[in-house]
Amino acid sequence: ATFKLTNTSGRTLKNLVFLPVALNDTDGDPSNNAQAPTAGGTPFRTVR
């Protein structure tokens, strides 16, 4: 998928990179998670 992207930082950006991120549960207790973790250390979640 291709998205439009605009620099609103107020300065010129050099070598702007978007990197995948994994979210891992720190204590195994899903009740205190603000977001759902990703699956198995990958940057993907809600895989259905």
All heavy atoms as atom14 arrays in JSON, in Angstrom:
{
  "sequence": "ATFKLTNTSGRTLKNLVFLPVALNDTDGDPSNNAQAPTAGGTPFRTVR",
  "atom14_mask": [
    [1, 1, 1, 1, 1, 0, 0, 0, 0, 0, 0, 0, 0, 0],
    [1, 1, 1, 1, 1, 1, 1, 0, 0, 0, 0, 0, 0, 0],
    [1, 1, 1, 1, 1, 1, 1, 1, 1, 1, 1, 0, 0, 0],
    [1, 1, 1, 1, 1, 1, 1, 1, 1, 0, 0, 0, 0, 0],
    [1, 1, 1, 1, 1, 1, 1, 1, 0, 0, 0, 0, 0, 0],
    [1, 1, 1, 1, 1, 1, 1, 0, 0, 0, 0, 0, 0, 0],
    [1, 1, 1, 1, 1, 1, 1, 1, 0, 0, 0, 0, 0, 0],
    [1, 1, 1, 1, 1, 1, 1, 0, 0, 0, 0, 0, 0, 0],
    [1, 1, 1, 1, 1, 1, 0, 0, 0, 0, 0, 0, 0, 0],
    [1, 1, 1, 1, 0, 0, 0, 0, 0, 0, 0, 0, 0, 0],
    [1, 1, 1, 1, 1, 1, 1, 1, 1, 1, 1, 0, 0, 0],
    [1, 1, 1, 1, 1, 1, 1, 0, 0, 0, 0, 0, 0, 0],
    [1, 1, 1, 1, 1, 1, 1, 1, 0, 0, 0, 0, 0, 0],
    [1, 1, 1, 1, 1, 1, 1, 1, 1, 0, 0, 0, 0, 0],
    [1, 1, 1, 1, 1, 1, 1, 1, 0, 0, 0, 0, 0, 0],
    [1, 1, 1, 1, 1, 1, 1, 1, 0, 0, 0, 0, 0, 0],
    [1, 1, 1, 1, 1, 1, 1, 0, 0, 0, 0, 0, 0, 0],
    [1, 1, 1, 1, 1, 1, 1, 1, 1, 1, 1, 0, 0, 0],
    [1, 1, 1, 1, 1, 1, 1, 1, 0, 0, 0, 0, 0, 0],
    [1, 1, 1, 1, 1, 1, 1, 0, 0, 0, 0, 0, 0, 0],
    [1, 1, 1, 1, 1, 1, 1, 0, 0, 0, 0, 0, 0, 0],
    [1, 1, 1, 1, 1, 0, 0, 0, 0, 0, 0, 0, 0, 0],
    [1, 1, 1, 1, 1, 1, 1, 1, 0, 0, 0, 0, 0, 0],
    [1, 1, 1, 1, 1, 1, 1, 1, 0, 0, 0, 0, 0, 0],
    [1, 1, 1, 1, 1, 1, 1, 1, 0, 0, 0, 0, 0, 0],
    [1, 1, 1, 1, 1, 1, 1, 0, 0, 0, 0, 0, 0, 0],
    [1, 1, 1, 1, 1, 1, 1, 1, 0, 0, 0, 0, 0, 0],
    [1, 1, 1, 1, 0, 0, 0, 0, 0, 0, 0, 0, 0, 0],
    [1, 1, 1, 1, 1, 1, 1, 1, 0, 0, 0, 0, 0, 0],
    [1, 1, 1, 1, 1, 1, 1, 0, 0, 0, 0, 0, 0, 0],
    [1, 1, 1, 1, 1, 1, 0, 0, 0, 0, 0, 0, 0, 0],
    [1, 1, 1, 1, 1, 1, 1, 1, 0, 0, 0, 0, 0, 0],
    [1, 1, 1, 1, 1, 1, 1, 1, 0, 0, 0, 0, 0, 0],
    [1, 1, 1, 1, 1, 0, 0, 0, 0, 0, 0, 0, 0, 0],
    [1, 1, 1, 1, 1, 1, 1, 1, 1, 0, 0, 0, 0, 0],
    [1, 1, 1, 1, 1, 0, 0, 0, 0, 0, 0, 0, 0, 0],
    [1, 1, 1, 1, 1, 1, 1, 0, 0, 0, 0, 0, 0, 0],
    [1, 1, 1, 1, 1, 1, 1, 0, 0, 0, 0, 0, 0, 0],
    [1, 1, 1, 1, 1, 0, 0, 0, 0, 0, 0, 0, 0, 0],
    [1, 1, 1, 1, 0, 0, 0, 0, 0, 0, 0, 0, 0, 0],
    [1, 1, 1, 1, 0, 0, 0, 0, 0, 0, 0, 0, 0, 0],
    [1, 1, 1, 1, 1, 1, 1, 0, 0, 0, 0, 0, 0, 0],
    [1, 1, 1, 1, 1, 1, 1, 0, 0, 0, 0, 0, 0, 0],
    [1, 1, 1, 1, 1, 1, 1, 1, 1, 1, 1, 0, 0, 0],
    [1, 1, 1, 1, 1, 1, 1, 1, 1, 1, 1, 0, 0, 0],
    [1, 1, 1, 1, 1, 1, 1, 0, 0, 0, 0, 0, 0, 0],
    [1, 1, 1, 1, 1, 1, 1, 0, 0, 0, 0, 0, 0, 0],
    [1, 1, 1, 1, 1, 1, 1, 1, 1, 1, 1, 0, 0, 0]
  ],
  "atom14_positions": [
    [[0.85, -1.19, 0.0], [0.0, 0.0, 0.0], [0.88, 1.24, 0.0], [1.91, 1.27, 0.68], [-0.92, 0.01, 1.23], [0.0, 0.0, 0.0], [0.0, 0.0, 0.0], [0.0, 0.0, 0.0], [0.0, 0.0, 0.0], [0.0, 0.0, 0.0], [0.0, 0.0, 0.0], [0.0, 0.0, 0.0], [0.0, 0.0, 0.0], [0.0, 0.0, 0.0]],
    [[0.48, 2.23, -0.77], [1.23, 3.48, -0.9], [0.45, 4.61, -0.25], [-0.73, 4.81, -0.58], [1.51, 3.8, -2.37], [2.26, 2.73, -2.95], [2.29, 5.1, -2.51], [0.0, 0.0, 0.0], [0.0, 0.0, 0.0], [0.0, 0.0, 0.0], [0.0, 0.0, 0.0], [0.0, 0.0, 0.0], [0.0, 0.0, 0.0], [0.0, 0.0, 0.0]],
    [[1.11, 5.34, 0.65], [0.48, 6.44, 1.37], [1.18, 7.75, 1.05], [2.37, 7.76, 0.69], [0.54, 6.22, 2.88], [-0.24, 5.03, 3.37], [0.34, 3.77, 3.42], [-1.55, 5.17, 3.78], [-0.36, 2.67, 3.87], [-2.27, 4.09, 4.23], [-1.68, 2.83, 4.28], [0.0, 0.0, 0.0], [0.0, 0.0, 0.0], [0.0, 0.0, 0.0]],
    [[0.45, 8.83, 1.25], [1.07, 10.15, 1.17], [1.68, 10.51, 2.52], [1.15, 10.15, 3.57], [0.05, 11.21, 0.77], [-0.32, 11.19, -0.7], [-1.23, 12.36, -1.05], [-1.5, 12.41, -2.55], [-2.35, 13.56, -2.91], [0.0, 0.0, 0.0], [0.0, 0.0, 0.0], [0.0, 0.0, 0.0], [0.0, 0.0, 0.0], [0.0, 0.0, 0.0]],
    [[2.77, 11.23, 2.47], [3.52, 11.56, 3.67], [4.0, 13.0, 3.58], [4.58, 13.39, 2.57], [4.73, 10.61, 3.78], [5.72, 10.84, 4.91], [5.09, 10.41, 6.22], [6.97, 10.02, 4.64], [0.0, 0.0, 0.0], [0.0, 0.0, 0.0], [0.0, 0.0, 0.0], [0.0, 0.0, 0.0], [0.0, 0.0, 0.0], [0.0, 0.0, 0.0]],
    [[3.73, 13.81, 4.63], [4.12, 15.22, 4.62], [4.97, 15.52, 5.84], [4.67, 15.08, 6.95], [2.88, 16.14, 4.61], [2.12, 15.88, 3.43], [3.3, 17.6, 4.63], [0.0, 0.0, 0.0], [0.0, 0.0, 0.0], [0.0, 0.0, 0.0], [0.0, 0.0, 0.0], [0.0, 0.0, 0.0], [0.0, 0.0, 0.0], [0.0, 0.0, 0.0]],
    [[6.03, 16.26, 5.64], [6.93, 16.66, 6.71], [6.39, 17.92, 7.37], [6.46, 19.01, 6.82], [8.34, 16.91, 6.14], [9.3, 17.44, 7.19], [9.01, 17.47, 8.38], [10.47, 17.87, 6.73], [0.0, 0.0, 0.0], [0.0, 0.0, 0.0], [0.0, 0.0, 0.0], [0.0, 0.0, 0.0], [0.0, 0.0, 0.0], [0.0, 0.0, 0.0]],
    [[5.85, 17.8, 8.6], [5.34, 18.94, 9.34], [6.22, 19.27, 10.53], [5.79, 19.92, 11.47], [3.9, 18.66, 9.81], [3.9, 17.52, 10.67], [2.98, 18.42, 8.64], [0.0, 0.0, 0.0], [0.0, 0.0, 0.0], [0.0, 0.0, 0.0], [0.0, 0.0, 0.0], [0.0, 0.0, 0.0], [0.0, 0.0, 0.0], [0.0, 0.0, 0.0]],
    [[7.48, 18.82, 10.49], [8.37, 19.02, 11.63], [8.93, 20.44, 11.7], [9.46, 20.83, 12.73], [9.55, 18.05, 11.54], [10.39, 18.38, 10.44], [0.0, 0.0, 0.0], [0.0, 0.0, 0.0], [0.0, 0.0, 0.0], [0.0, 0.0, 0.0], [0.0, 0.0, 0.0], [0.0, 0.0, 0.0], [0.0, 0.0, 0.0], [0.0, 0.0, 0.0]],
    [[8.84, 21.19, 10.61], [9.41, 22.54, 10.6], [10.87, 22.58, 10.21], [11.5, 23.64, 10.25], [0.0, 0.0, 0.0], [0.0, 0.0, 0.0], [0.0, 0.0, 0.0], [0.0, 0.0, 0.0], [0.0, 0.0, 0.0], [0.0, 0.0, 0.0], [0.0, 0.0, 0.0], [0.0, 0.0, 0.0], [0.0, 0.0, 0.0], [0.0, 0.0, 0.0]],
    [[11.44, 21.45, 9.81], [12.84, 21.41, 9.39], [13.01, 20.35, 8.3], [12.15, 19.48, 8.11], [13.76, 21.09, 10.57], [13.55, 19.69, 11.15], [14.46, 19.44, 12.33], [14.27, 18.1, 12.89], [14.96, 17.04, 12.5], [15.87, 17.15, 11.58], [14.73, 15.86, 13.08], [0.0, 0.0, 0.0], [0.0, 0.0, 0.0], [0.0, 0.0, 0.0]],
    [[14.11, 20.42, 7.59], [14.42, 19.43, 6.57], [14.86, 18.12, 7.21], [15.62, 18.12, 8.18], [15.53, 19.95, 5.64], [15.07, 21.11, 4.96], [15.93, 18.9, 4.61], [0.0, 0.0, 0.0], [0.0, 0.0, 0.0], [0.0, 0.0, 0.0], [0.0, 0.0, 0.0], [0.0, 0.0, 0.0], [0.0, 0.0, 0.0], [0.0, 0.0, 0.0]],
    [[14.35, 17.03, 6.68], [14.7, 15.7, 7.19], [15.62, 15.0, 6.2], [15.47, 15.12, 4.99], [13.43, 14.86, 7.38], [12.38, 15.49, 8.31], [11.11, 14.67, 8.31], [12.94, 15.64, 9.71], [0.0, 0.0, 0.0], [0.0, 0.0, 0.0], [0.0, 0.0, 0.0], [0.0, 0.0, 0.0], [0.0, 0.0, 0.0], [0.0, 0.0, 0.0]],
    [[16.58, 14.26, 6.73], [17.57, 13.57, 5.91], [17.45, 12.07, 6.15], [17.45, 11.61, 7.28], [18.97, 14.05, 6.3], [20.09, 13.55, 5.4], [20.07, 14.22, 4.04], [21.33, 13.85, 3.26], [21.33, 14.46, 1.93], [0.0, 0.0, 0.0], [0.0, 0.0, 0.0], [0.0, 0.0, 0.0], [0.0, 0.0, 0.0], [0.0, 0.0, 0.0]],
    [[17.36, 11.29, 5.05], [17.28, 9.84, 5.14], [16.2, 9.38, 6.12], [16.46, 8.81, 7.16], [18.64, 9.25, 5.53], [19.65, 9.35, 4.4], [19.28, 9.5, 3.24], [20.92, 9.28, 4.73], [0.0, 0.0, 0.0], [0.0, 0.0, 0.0], [0.0, 0.0, 0.0], [0.0, 0.0, 0.0], [0.0, 0.0, 0.0], [0.0, 0.0, 0.0]],
    [[14.97, 9.65, 5.76], [13.81, 9.32, 6.58], [13.41, 7.87, 6.32], [13.08, 7.48, 5.2], [12.66, 10.26, 6.23], [11.3, 9.98, 6.87], [11.41, 10.01, 8.38], [10.29, 11.0, 6.38], [0.0, 0.0, 0.0], [0.0, 0.0, 0.0], [0.0, 0.0, 0.0], [0.0, 0.0, 0.0], [0.0, 0.0, 0.0], [0.0, 0.0, 0.0]],
    [[13.47, 7.05, 7.38], [13.24, 5.61, 7.27], [12.1, 5.21, 8.19], [11.99, 5.7, 9.32], [14.51, 4.82, 7.65], [14.28, 3.32, 7.48], [15.7, 5.27, 6.81], [0.0, 0.0, 0.0], [0.0, 0.0, 0.0], [0.0, 0.0, 0.0], [0.0, 0.0, 0.0], [0.0, 0.0, 0.0], [0.0, 0.0, 0.0], [0.0, 0.0, 0.0]],
    [[11.22, 4.31, 7.71], [10.2, 3.7, 8.55], [10.58, 2.25, 8.82], [10.83, 1.48, 7.89], [8.83, 3.78, 7.88], [8.2, 5.13, 8.01], [8.41, 6.1, 7.03], [7.44, 5.46, 9.11], [7.85, 7.36, 7.15], [6.88, 6.72, 9.24], [7.09, 7.67, 8.26], [0.0, 0.0, 0.0], [0.0, 0.0, 0.0], [0.0, 0.0, 0.0]],
    [[10.62, 1.89, 10.12], [11.11, 0.58, 10.54], [10.01, -0.21, 11.23], [9.29, 0.33, 12.09], [12.29, 0.74, 11.51], [13.45, 1.61, 11.04], [13.33, 3.02, 11.61], [14.79, 1.01, 11.47], [0.0, 0.0, 0.0], [0.0, 0.0, 0.0], [0.0, 0.0, 0.0], [0.0, 0.0, 0.0], [0.0, 0.0, 0.0], [0.0, 0.0, 0.0]],
    [[9.84, -1.49, 10.93], [8.88, -2.33, 11.64], [9.24, -2.46, 13.13], [10.41, -2.47, 13.49], [8.98, -3.68, 10.93], [9.5, -3.35, 9.56], [10.44, -2.2, 9.78], [0.0, 0.0, 0.0], [0.0, 0.0, 0.0], [0.0, 0.0, 0.0], [0.0, 0.0, 0.0], [0.0, 0.0, 0.0], [0.0, 0.0, 0.0], [0.0, 0.0, 0.0]],
    [[8.2, -2.57, 13.97], [8.38, -2.59, 15.42], [7.58, -3.74, 16.01], [6.41, -3.94, 15.67], [7.91, -1.26, 16.05], [7.92, -1.34, 17.57], [8.79, -0.11, 15.58], [0.0, 0.0, 0.0], [0.0, 0.0, 0.0], [0.0, 0.0, 0.0], [0.0, 0.0, 0.0], [0.0, 0.0, 0.0], [0.0, 0.0, 0.0], [0.0, 0.0, 0.0]],
    [[8.21, -4.5, 16.91], [7.52, -5.54, 17.67], [7.2, -5.03, 19.07], [8.02, -4.34, 19.69], [8.38, -6.79, 17.76], [0.0, 0.0, 0.0], [0.0, 0.0, 0.0], [0.0, 0.0, 0.0], [0.0, 0.0, 0.0], [0.0, 0.0, 0.0], [0.0, 0.0, 0.0], [0.0, 0.0, 0.0], [0.0, 0.0, 0.0], [0.0, 0.0, 0.0]],
    [[6.01, -5.33, 19.57], [5.61, -5.01, 20.94], [5.5, -6.32, 21.71], [4.71, -7.19, 21.35], [4.27, -4.27, 20.96], [4.22, -2.91, 20.27], [2.81, -2.32, 20.39], [5.24, -1.96, 20.87], [0.0, 0.0, 0.0], [0.0, 0.0, 0.0], [0.0, 0.0, 0.0], [0.0, 0.0, 0.0], [0.0, 0.0, 0.0], [0.0, 0.0, 0.0]],
    [[6.29, -6.44, 22.77], [6.33, -7.68, 23.54], [5.8, -7.46, 24.95], [6.11, -6.44, 25.59], [7.76, -8.22, 23.6], [8.33, -8.48, 22.22], [7.7, -9.13, 21.39], [9.52, -7.95, 21.95], [0.0, 0.0, 0.0], [0.0, 0.0, 0.0], [0.0, 0.0, 0.0], [0.0, 0.0, 0.0], [0.0, 0.0, 0.0], [0.0, 0.0, 0.0]],
    [[5.01, -8.41, 25.43], [4.47, -8.33, 26.8], [5.61, -8.52, 27.8], [6.39, -9.47, 27.7], [3.41, -9.42, 26.99], [2.54, -9.18, 28.22], [3.06, -8.61, 29.2], [1.37, -9.57, 28.19], [0.0, 0.0, 0.0], [0.0, 0.0, 0.0], [0.0, 0.0, 0.0], [0.0, 0.0, 0.0], [0.0, 0.0, 0.0], [0.0, 0.0, 0.0]],
    [[5.74, -7.6, 28.75], [6.86, -7.64, 29.69], [6.64, -8.57, 30.87], [7.61, -9.04, 31.48], [7.16, -6.22, 30.22], [5.98, -5.71, 30.85], [7.6, -5.31, 29.1], [0.0, 0.0, 0.0], [0.0, 0.0, 0.0], [0.0, 0.0, 0.0], [0.0, 0.0, 0.0], [0.0, 0.0, 0.0], [0.0, 0.0, 0.0], [0.0, 0.0, 0.0]],
    [[5.37, -8.85, 31.23], [5.13, -9.67, 32.42], [4.13, -10.8, 32.21], [3.77, -11.5, 33.16], [4.67, -8.79, 33.59], [3.41, -8.0, 33.26], [2.8, -8.27, 32.2], [3.05, -7.11, 34.06], [0.0, 0.0, 0.0], [0.0, 0.0, 0.0], [0.0, 0.0, 0.0], [0.0, 0.0, 0.0], [0.0, 0.0, 0.0], [0.0, 0.0, 0.0]],
    [[3.65, -10.97, 30.99], [2.7, -12.04, 30.72], [1.3, -11.76, 31.2], [0.43, -12.64, 31.13], [0.0, 0.0, 0.0], [0.0, 0.0, 0.0], [0.0, 0.0, 0.0], [0.0, 0.0, 0.0], [0.0, 0.0, 0.0], [0.0, 0.0, 0.0], [0.0, 0.0, 0.0], [0.0, 0.0, 0.0], [0.0, 0.0, 0.0], [0.0, 0.0, 0.0]],
    [[1.04, -10.54, 31.7], [-0.29, -10.18, 32.2], [-0.95, -9.26, 31.2], [-0.64, -8.07, 31.13], [-0.16, -9.48, 33.55], [-1.53, -9.1, 34.13], [-2.56, -9.46, 33.52], [-1.54, -8.41, 35.18], [0.0, 0.0, 0.0], [0.0, 0.0, 0.0], [0.0, 0.0, 0.0], [0.0, 0.0, 0.0], [0.0, 0.0, 0.0], [0.0, 0.0, 0.0]],
    [[-1.89, -9.75, 30.37], [-2.5, -8.9, 29.34], [-3.38, -7.8, 29.92], [-3.7, -6.83, 29.22], [-3.32, -9.9, 28.5], [-3.6, -11.04, 29.43], [-2.41, -11.13, 30.34], [0.0, 0.0, 0.0], [0.0, 0.0, 0.0], [0.0, 0.0, 0.0], [0.0, 0.0, 0.0], [0.0, 0.0, 0.0], [0.0, 0.0, 0.0], [0.0, 0.0, 0.0]],
    [[-3.75, -7.89, 31.2], [-4.68, -6.91, 31.77], [-4.02, -5.54, 31.96], [-4.72, -4.53, 32.06], [-5.21, -7.41, 33.11], [-4.16, -7.52, 34.08], [0.0, 0.0, 0.0], [0.0, 0.0, 0.0], [0.0, 0.0, 0.0], [0.0, 0.0, 0.0], [0.0, 0.0, 0.0], [0.0, 0.0, 0.0], [0.0, 0.0, 0.0], [0.0, 0.0, 0.0]],
    [[-2.69, -5.47, 32.02], [-2.04, -4.18, 32.22], [-1.37, -3.65, 30.94], [-0.54, -2.74, 31.0], [-1.01, -4.26, 33.35], [0.13, -5.24, 33.04], [0.19, -5.79, 31.94], [1.0, -5.46, 34.01], [0.0, 0.0, 0.0], [0.0, 0.0, 0.0], [0.0, 0.0, 0.0], [0.0, 0.0, 0.0], [0.0, 0.0, 0.0], [0.0, 0.0, 0.0]],
    [[-1.76, -4.21, 29.82], [-1.19, -3.75, 28.55], [-2.05, -2.63, 27.95], [-3.27, -2.8, 27.8], [-1.1, -4.9, 27.54], [-0.13, -5.97, 27.98], [0.74, -5.72, 28.81], [-0.28, -7.16, 27.41], [0.0, 0.0, 0.0], [0.0, 0.0, 0.0], [0.0, 0.0, 0.0], [0.0, 0.0, 0.0], [0.0, 0.0, 0.0], [0.0, 0.0, 0.0]],
    [[-1.41, -1.52, 27.61], [-2.15, -0.42, 26.99], [-2.5, -0.71, 25.53], [-3.44, -0.15, 24.99], [-1.33, 0.87, 27.07], [0.0, 0.0, 0.0], [0.0, 0.0, 0.0], [0.0, 0.0, 0.0], [0.0, 0.0, 0.0], [0.0, 0.0, 0.0], [0.0, 0.0, 0.0], [0.0, 0.0, 0.0], [0.0, 0.0, 0.0], [0.0, 0.0, 0.0]],
    [[-1.71, -1.55, 24.89], [-1.96, -1.95, 23.5], [-1.82, -3.47, 23.43], [-1.18, -4.1, 24.28], [-0.94, -1.3, 22.55], [-0.92, 0.2, 22.57], [-2.04, 0.79, 21.71], [-2.66, 0.08, 20.91], [-2.29, 2.07, 21.88], [0.0, 0.0, 0.0], [0.0, 0.0, 0.0], [0.0, 0.0, 0.0], [0.0, 0.0, 0.0], [0.0, 0.0, 0.0]],
    [[-2.38, -4.05, 22.41], [-2.19, -5.49, 22.2], [-0.77, -5.74, 21.71], [-0.26, -5.0, 20.86], [-3.2, -6.01, 21.17], [0.0, 0.0, 0.0], [0.0, 0.0, 0.0], [0.0, 0.0, 0.0], [0.0, 0.0, 0.0], [0.0, 0.0, 0.0], [0.0, 0.0, 0.0], [0.0, 0.0, 0.0], [0.0, 0.0, 0.0], [0.0, 0.0, 0.0]],
    [[-0.09, -6.74, 22.22], [1.26, -7.05, 21.72], [1.21, -7.6, 20.31], [0.15, -8.02, 19.82], [1.77, -8.09, 22.71], [0.53, -8.75, 23.22], [-0.53, -7.68, 23.26], [0.0, 0.0, 0.0], [0.0, 0.0, 0.0], [0.0, 0.0, 0.0], [0.0, 0.0, 0.0], [0.0, 0.0, 0.0], [0.0, 0.0, 0.0], [0.0, 0.0, 0.0]],
    [[2.35, -7.58, 19.65], [2.43, -8.22, 18.34], [2.68, -9.71, 18.53], [2.93, -10.17, 19.63], [3.55, -7.58, 17.5], [4.78, -7.64, 18.22], [3.22, -6.14, 17.17], [0.0, 0.0, 0.0], [0.0, 0.0, 0.0], [0.0, 0.0, 0.0], [0.0, 0.0, 0.0], [0.0, 0.0, 0.0], [0.0, 0.0, 0.0], [0.0, 0.0, 0.0]],
    [[2.61, -10.45, 17.44], [2.63, -11.92, 17.52], [4.05, -12.46, 17.47], [4.78, -12.21, 16.5], [1.81, -12.52, 16.38], [0.0, 0.0, 0.0], [0.0, 0.0, 0.0], [0.0, 0.0, 0.0], [0.0, 0.0, 0.0], [0.0, 0.0, 0.0], [0.0, 0.0, 0.0], [0.0, 0.0, 0.0], [0.0, 0.0, 0.0], [0.0, 0.0, 0.0]],
    [[4.45, -13.17, 18.5], [5.68, -13.95, 18.47], [6.94, -13.17, 18.17], [7.83, -13.68, 17.48], [0.0, 0.0, 0.0], [0.0, 0.0, 0.0], [0.0, 0.0, 0.0], [0.0, 0.0, 0.0], [0.0, 0.0, 0.0], [0.0, 0.0, 0.0], [0.0, 0.0, 0.0], [0.0, 0.0, 0.0], [0.0, 0.0, 0.0], [0.0, 0.0, 0.0]],
    [[7.05, -11.94, 18.66], [8.25, -11.15, 18.41], [8.33, -10.55, 17.03], [9.34, -9.95, 16.66], [0.0, 0.0, 0.0], [0.0, 0.0, 0.0], [0.0, 0.0, 0.0], [0.0, 0.0, 0.0], [0.0, 0.0, 0.0], [0.0, 0.0, 0.0], [0.0, 0.0, 0.0], [0.0, 0.0, 0.0], [0.0, 0.0, 0.0], [0.0, 0.0, 0.0]],
    [[7.25, -10.68, 16.24], [7.21, -10.08, 14.91], [6.55, -8.7, 15.0], [5.96, -8.36, 16.02], [6.39, -10.95, 13.94], [4.99, -10.82, 14.25], [6.8, -12.42, 14.04], [0.0, 0.0, 0.0], [0.0, 0.0, 0.0], [0.0, 0.0, 0.0], [0.0, 0.0, 0.0], [0.0, 0.0, 0.0], [0.0, 0.0, 0.0], [0.0, 0.0, 0.0]],
    [[6.62, -7.88, 13.94], [5.94, -6.59, 13.95], [4.47, -6.68, 13.53], [3.86, -5.65, 13.25], [6.75, -5.76, 12.95], [7.27, -6.76, 11.99], [7.52, -8.02, 12.78], [0.0, 0.0, 0.0], [0.0, 0.0, 0.0], [0.0, 0.0, 0.0], [0.0, 0.0, 0.0], [0.0, 0.0, 0.0], [0.0, 0.0, 0.0], [0.0, 0.0, 0.0]],
    [[3.89, -7.89, 13.49], [2.53, -8.08, 13.01], [1.59, -8.48, 14.17], [1.98, -9.22, 15.08], [2.5, -9.17, 11.94], [3.37, -8.87, 10.75], [4.64, -9.42, 10.66], [2.94, -8.02, 9.75], [5.47, -9.14, 9.58], [3.75, -7.73, 8.66], [5.02, -8.29, 8.58], [0.0, 0.0, 0.0], [0.0, 0.0, 0.0], [0.0, 0.0, 0.0]],
    [[0.38, -7.99, 14.1], [-0.64, -8.39, 15.07], [-1.99, -8.42, 14.37], [-2.12, -8.05, 13.2], [-0.65, -7.48, 16.28], [-1.11, -6.06, 16.05], [-1.04, -5.28, 17.36], [-1.5, -3.9, 17.22], [-1.42, -2.99, 18.19], [-0.88, -3.31, 19.36], [-1.87, -1.78, 17.99], [0.0, 0.0, 0.0], [0.0, 0.0, 0.0], [0.0, 0.0, 0.0]],
    [[-3.02, -8.85, 15.13], [-4.38, -9.05, 14.59], [-4.33, -9.81, 13.26], [-4.99, -9.43, 12.29], [-5.15, -7.72, 14.43], [-4.42, -6.85, 13.55], [-5.34, -7.05, 15.77], [0.0, 0.0, 0.0], [0.0, 0.0, 0.0], [0.0, 0.0, 0.0], [0.0, 0.0, 0.0], [0.0, 0.0, 0.0], [0.0, 0.0, 0.0], [0.0, 0.0, 0.0]],
    [[-3.52, -10.86, 13.22], [-3.46, -11.71, 12.03], [-4.65, -12.67, 12.1], [-4.78, -13.44, 13.05], [-2.12, -12.49, 11.99], [-2.0, -13.28, 10.69], [-0.94, -11.56, 12.17], [0.0, 0.0, 0.0], [0.0, 0.0, 0.0], [0.0, 0.0, 0.0], [0.0, 0.0, 0.0], [0.0, 0.0, 0.0], [0.0, 0.0, 0.0], [0.0, 0.0, 0.0]],
    [[-5.51, -12.62, 11.08], [-6.75, -13.39, 11.13], [-7.04, -14.08, 9.81], [-6.64, -13.62, 8.74], [-7.93, -12.48, 11.49], [-7.73, -11.75, 12.82], [-9.0, -11.09, 13.31], [-8.75, -10.32, 14.54], [-8.63, -10.85, 15.74], [-8.75, -12.16, 15.89], [-8.4, -10.1, 16.79], [0.0, 0.0, 0.0], [0.0, 0.0, 0.0], [0.0, 0.0, 0.0]]
  ]
}
